[in-house]
Protein backbone atom coordinates (compact mmCIF):
# COMPACT_ATOMS: atom_id res chain seq x y z
CA MET A 1 -13.53 -2.95 26.95
CA ASN A 2 -15.79 -6.51 27.76
CA THR A 3 -13.79 -8.98 29.91
CA ALA A 4 -13.67 -11.69 27.35
CA PHE A 5 -12.43 -9.60 24.24
CA ARG A 6 -9.21 -8.08 26.68
CA SER A 7 -8.52 -11.97 27.76
CA VAL A 8 -7.95 -12.67 24.04
CA LEU A 9 -5.77 -9.54 23.39
CA GLU A 10 -3.68 -10.28 26.15
CA ARG A 11 -2.94 -13.82 25.34
CA LEU A 12 -2.23 -12.64 21.77
CA VAL A 13 0.28 -10.46 23.34
CA ARG A 14 1.93 -12.81 25.50
CA LEU A 15 2.25 -15.35 22.45
CA GLU A 16 3.96 -11.90 20.26
CA ALA A 17 7.29 -13.32 19.75
CA VAL A 18 5.27 -16.52 17.67
CA GLY A 19 4.92 -14.16 14.24
CA PRO A 20 8.91 -13.40 13.83
CA ASN A 21 9.36 -17.12 14.67
CA LEU A 22 5.80 -17.83 12.11
CA VAL A 23 7.56 -15.39 9.52
CA ARG A 24 11.05 -17.65 9.50
CA VAL A 25 10.18 -20.69 8.99
CA ALA A 26 7.60 -19.01 6.02
CA ILE A 27 10.57 -17.42 4.27
CA ALA A 28 12.73 -20.89 4.62
CA ILE A 29 9.43 -22.65 2.62
CA VAL A 30 9.67 -20.29 0.04
CA PHE A 31 13.87 -20.25 -0.08
CA ILE A 32 13.44 -23.98 0.18
CA TRP A 33 10.77 -24.61 -2.70
CA ILE A 34 12.23 -22.26 -5.33
CA GLY A 35 16.17 -23.24 -4.34
CA GLY A 36 15.66 -26.42 -4.60
CA LEU A 37 13.35 -26.27 -8.04
CA LYS A 38 16.64 -24.07 -10.13
CA PHE A 39 18.15 -27.84 -10.07
CA VAL A 40 14.95 -27.89 -12.29
CA PRO A 41 15.62 -27.18 -15.94
CA TYR A 42 11.67 -25.09 -16.50
CA GLU A 43 12.72 -23.04 -13.31
CA ALA A 44 15.93 -21.61 -14.83
CA ASP A 45 14.25 -21.46 -17.85
CA SER A 46 11.43 -19.32 -16.11
CA ILE A 47 14.00 -16.98 -14.92
CA THR A 48 16.11 -16.36 -18.21
CA PRO A 49 14.41 -12.87 -18.95
CA PHE A 50 14.76 -11.68 -15.20
CA VAL A 51 18.37 -12.51 -15.53
CA ALA A 52 19.03 -11.45 -18.92
CA ASN A 53 17.70 -7.93 -18.16
CA SER A 54 19.12 -7.51 -14.81
CA PRO A 55 22.47 -5.36 -14.91
CA VAL A 56 23.39 -7.07 -11.38
CA MET A 57 23.08 -10.69 -12.84
CA SER A 58 23.25 -10.27 -16.59
CA PHE A 59 26.88 -11.54 -16.97
CA PHE A 60 26.70 -14.31 -16.00
CA TYR A 61 25.03 -15.86 -19.05
CA GLU A 62 27.19 -16.05 -22.09
CA HIS A 63 24.46 -14.39 -24.08
CA PRO A 64 21.69 -12.31 -22.64
CA ALA A 65 20.37 -10.13 -25.07
CA GLU A 66 19.23 -13.25 -27.53
CA TYR A 67 17.44 -14.87 -24.78
CA LYS A 68 13.55 -14.05 -26.40
CA PRO A 69 13.43 -16.60 -29.60
CA HIS A 70 15.59 -19.49 -26.96
CA LEU A 71 11.90 -19.05 -24.37
CA THR A 72 9.58 -21.93 -23.30
CA LYS A 73 6.52 -22.06 -21.21
CA GLU A 74 6.33 -24.37 -17.99
CA GLY A 75 6.16 -27.82 -19.10
CA GLN A 76 7.30 -27.40 -22.33
CA LEU A 77 10.08 -29.11 -23.86
CA VAL A 78 12.11 -28.13 -26.55
CA PRO A 79 15.41 -29.71 -27.22
CA GLU A 80 16.99 -27.00 -29.26
CA GLN A 81 16.23 -24.72 -26.85
CA ARG A 82 16.78 -26.43 -24.11
CA ALA A 83 20.83 -27.13 -25.72
CA TRP A 84 20.89 -23.51 -26.15
CA GLN A 85 20.01 -22.90 -22.57
CA ALA A 86 22.77 -24.95 -21.93
CA GLN A 87 25.20 -22.95 -23.96
CA ASN A 88 24.05 -20.13 -22.34
CA ASN A 89 24.83 -21.10 -19.20
CA THR A 90 21.05 -20.73 -18.01
CA TYR A 91 21.52 -24.33 -16.39
CA GLY A 92 24.77 -23.01 -14.56
CA PHE A 93 23.87 -20.00 -12.60
CA SER A 94 20.56 -21.16 -11.93
CA ARG A 95 22.07 -24.19 -10.03
CA GLY A 96 24.60 -21.75 -7.79
CA LEU A 97 21.19 -19.76 -7.45
CA GLY A 98 19.55 -22.46 -6.03
CA VAL A 99 22.81 -22.95 -3.28
CA VAL A 100 22.54 -19.73 -2.52
CA GLU A 101 19.14 -19.56 -2.06
CA LEU A 102 19.43 -22.65 0.11
CA THR A 103 22.05 -21.58 2.17
CA ILE A 104 19.82 -18.83 3.21
CA ALA A 105 16.83 -21.24 4.39
CA PHE A 106 19.42 -22.54 5.81
CA LEU A 107 20.42 -19.49 8.00
CA VAL A 108 17.50 -18.16 8.98
CA LEU A 109 16.21 -21.21 10.22
CA SER A 110 19.63 -21.44 12.00
CA PHE A 111 18.23 -18.76 14.50
CA PRO A 112 17.21 -20.81 17.43
CA PHE A 113 20.93 -21.84 17.48
CA SER A 114 23.13 -19.19 17.04
CA LYS A 115 21.44 -15.52 16.23
CA ARG A 116 24.55 -14.28 14.51
CA LEU A 117 23.61 -16.81 11.82
CA GLY A 118 19.92 -16.07 12.31
CA LEU A 119 20.41 -12.39 11.77
CA LEU A 120 22.79 -12.87 8.64
CA GLY A 121 20.31 -15.45 7.30
CA ALA A 122 18.15 -11.98 7.26
CA PHE A 123 20.22 -9.66 5.52
CA LEU A 124 20.91 -12.01 2.92
CA SER A 125 16.97 -12.97 2.29
CA PHE A 126 16.44 -8.50 2.62
CA GLY A 127 19.40 -8.01 -0.24
CA THR A 128 18.09 -11.21 -1.66
CA THR A 129 14.38 -9.75 -1.83
CA LEU A 130 16.08 -6.39 -3.13
CA VAL A 131 17.29 -7.50 -6.54
CA THR A 132 13.61 -9.63 -7.09
CA LEU A 133 11.97 -6.80 -6.94
CA SER A 134 14.23 -4.42 -8.82
CA PHE A 135 13.35 -7.30 -12.12
CA LEU A 136 10.19 -4.99 -11.99
CA PHE A 137 11.83 -2.15 -13.11
CA THR A 138 15.01 -4.52 -16.10
CA THR A 139 12.32 -6.55 -16.92
CA PRO A 140 10.28 -5.71 -19.93
CA GLU A 141 8.29 -9.13 -19.43
CA ALA A 142 7.05 -8.02 -15.62
CA TRP A 143 4.14 -5.97 -17.73
CA VAL A 144 1.77 -6.85 -19.59
CA PRO A 145 3.33 -6.37 -23.47
CA ALA A 146 0.89 -4.07 -25.76
CA LEU A 147 -1.01 -6.38 -27.89
CA GLY A 148 -4.21 -4.81 -28.23
CA ASP A 149 -5.64 -4.01 -25.10
CA ALA A 150 -6.06 -0.97 -23.65
CA GLN A 151 -4.56 -2.33 -20.64
CA HIS A 152 -0.89 -2.41 -20.73
CA GLY A 153 2.55 -1.15 -19.47
CA PHE A 154 2.68 0.34 -16.33
CA PRO A 155 0.60 -0.55 -13.53
CA TYR A 156 -0.77 -3.94 -15.01
CA LEU A 157 1.69 -6.64 -14.05
CA SER A 158 1.64 -9.45 -16.26
CA GLY A 159 2.06 -12.68 -14.04
CA ALA A 160 5.85 -12.33 -14.12
CA GLY A 161 5.32 -9.46 -12.48
CA ARG A 162 3.08 -10.71 -9.87
CA LEU A 163 5.58 -13.10 -9.34
CA VAL A 164 8.07 -10.57 -8.71
CA ILE A 165 5.51 -7.98 -6.56
CA LYS A 166 4.49 -10.40 -3.84
CA ASP A 167 8.36 -10.26 -2.73
CA THR A 168 7.53 -6.93 -1.01
CA LEU A 169 6.16 -9.50 1.54
CA MET A 170 9.37 -10.98 1.94
CA LEU A 171 11.15 -8.00 2.01
CA ALA A 172 9.19 -7.29 5.32
CA GLY A 173 9.75 -9.87 6.57
CA ALA A 174 12.86 -10.14 6.27
CA TRP A 175 13.29 -7.19 8.31
CA VAL A 176 10.83 -8.47 10.87
CA ILE A 177 13.13 -11.14 11.75
CA GLY A 178 16.23 -9.31 11.05
CA VAL A 179 15.00 -6.40 14.08
CA ASP A 180 14.47 -9.60 15.84
CA ALA A 181 17.50 -10.91 15.82
CA ALA A 182 19.42 -7.96 16.57
CA LYS A 183 17.63 -7.52 19.73
CA ARG A 184 17.82 -10.60 21.15
CA ILE A 185 21.66 -10.22 20.18
CA LEU A 186 21.99 -7.08 22.44
CA ALA A 187 19.60 -9.15 25.39
CA GLU A 188 21.93 -11.76 25.06
CA ARG A 189 24.72 -9.62 25.86
CA HIS A 190 23.37 -7.63 28.88
């Protein structure tokens, strides 16, 4: 092996601890940004199909089965639809979810100060992404609808489905930071 190349590889190995910390920051950025957006009607409106079709979340809505005629596009203001969403508890649920997501972000970021809180943040990140990934199975809008083209249904993800599938990375990242936190907690005890 070339000496310069070996030297570069050895430096990378010495920086191994940077990886989990970068993953922590990335996970926190996603949870802060998306969690903050949960306080804005357009984001709350956009998660309506996911929540309405979820067996573990639909009970938060007043009328989960009636959501389809009340959907709007991002940036679209239809006062009647917004009023229906308010009556449906779409915005109340979304704000609550935003608080949960922001809390997870801050728990993940607490790792340098508290390994146990960081571990809890990793655990909650992992669990949250499991729920999110379940939307691929529960939400019809995750798949391209049959509107005449031959490419529809599985495996053709719609925009909503593509939004969800990226959470496989969040799931893997949560595992990495969880294992790292567990290792650090165990190391402190010895």
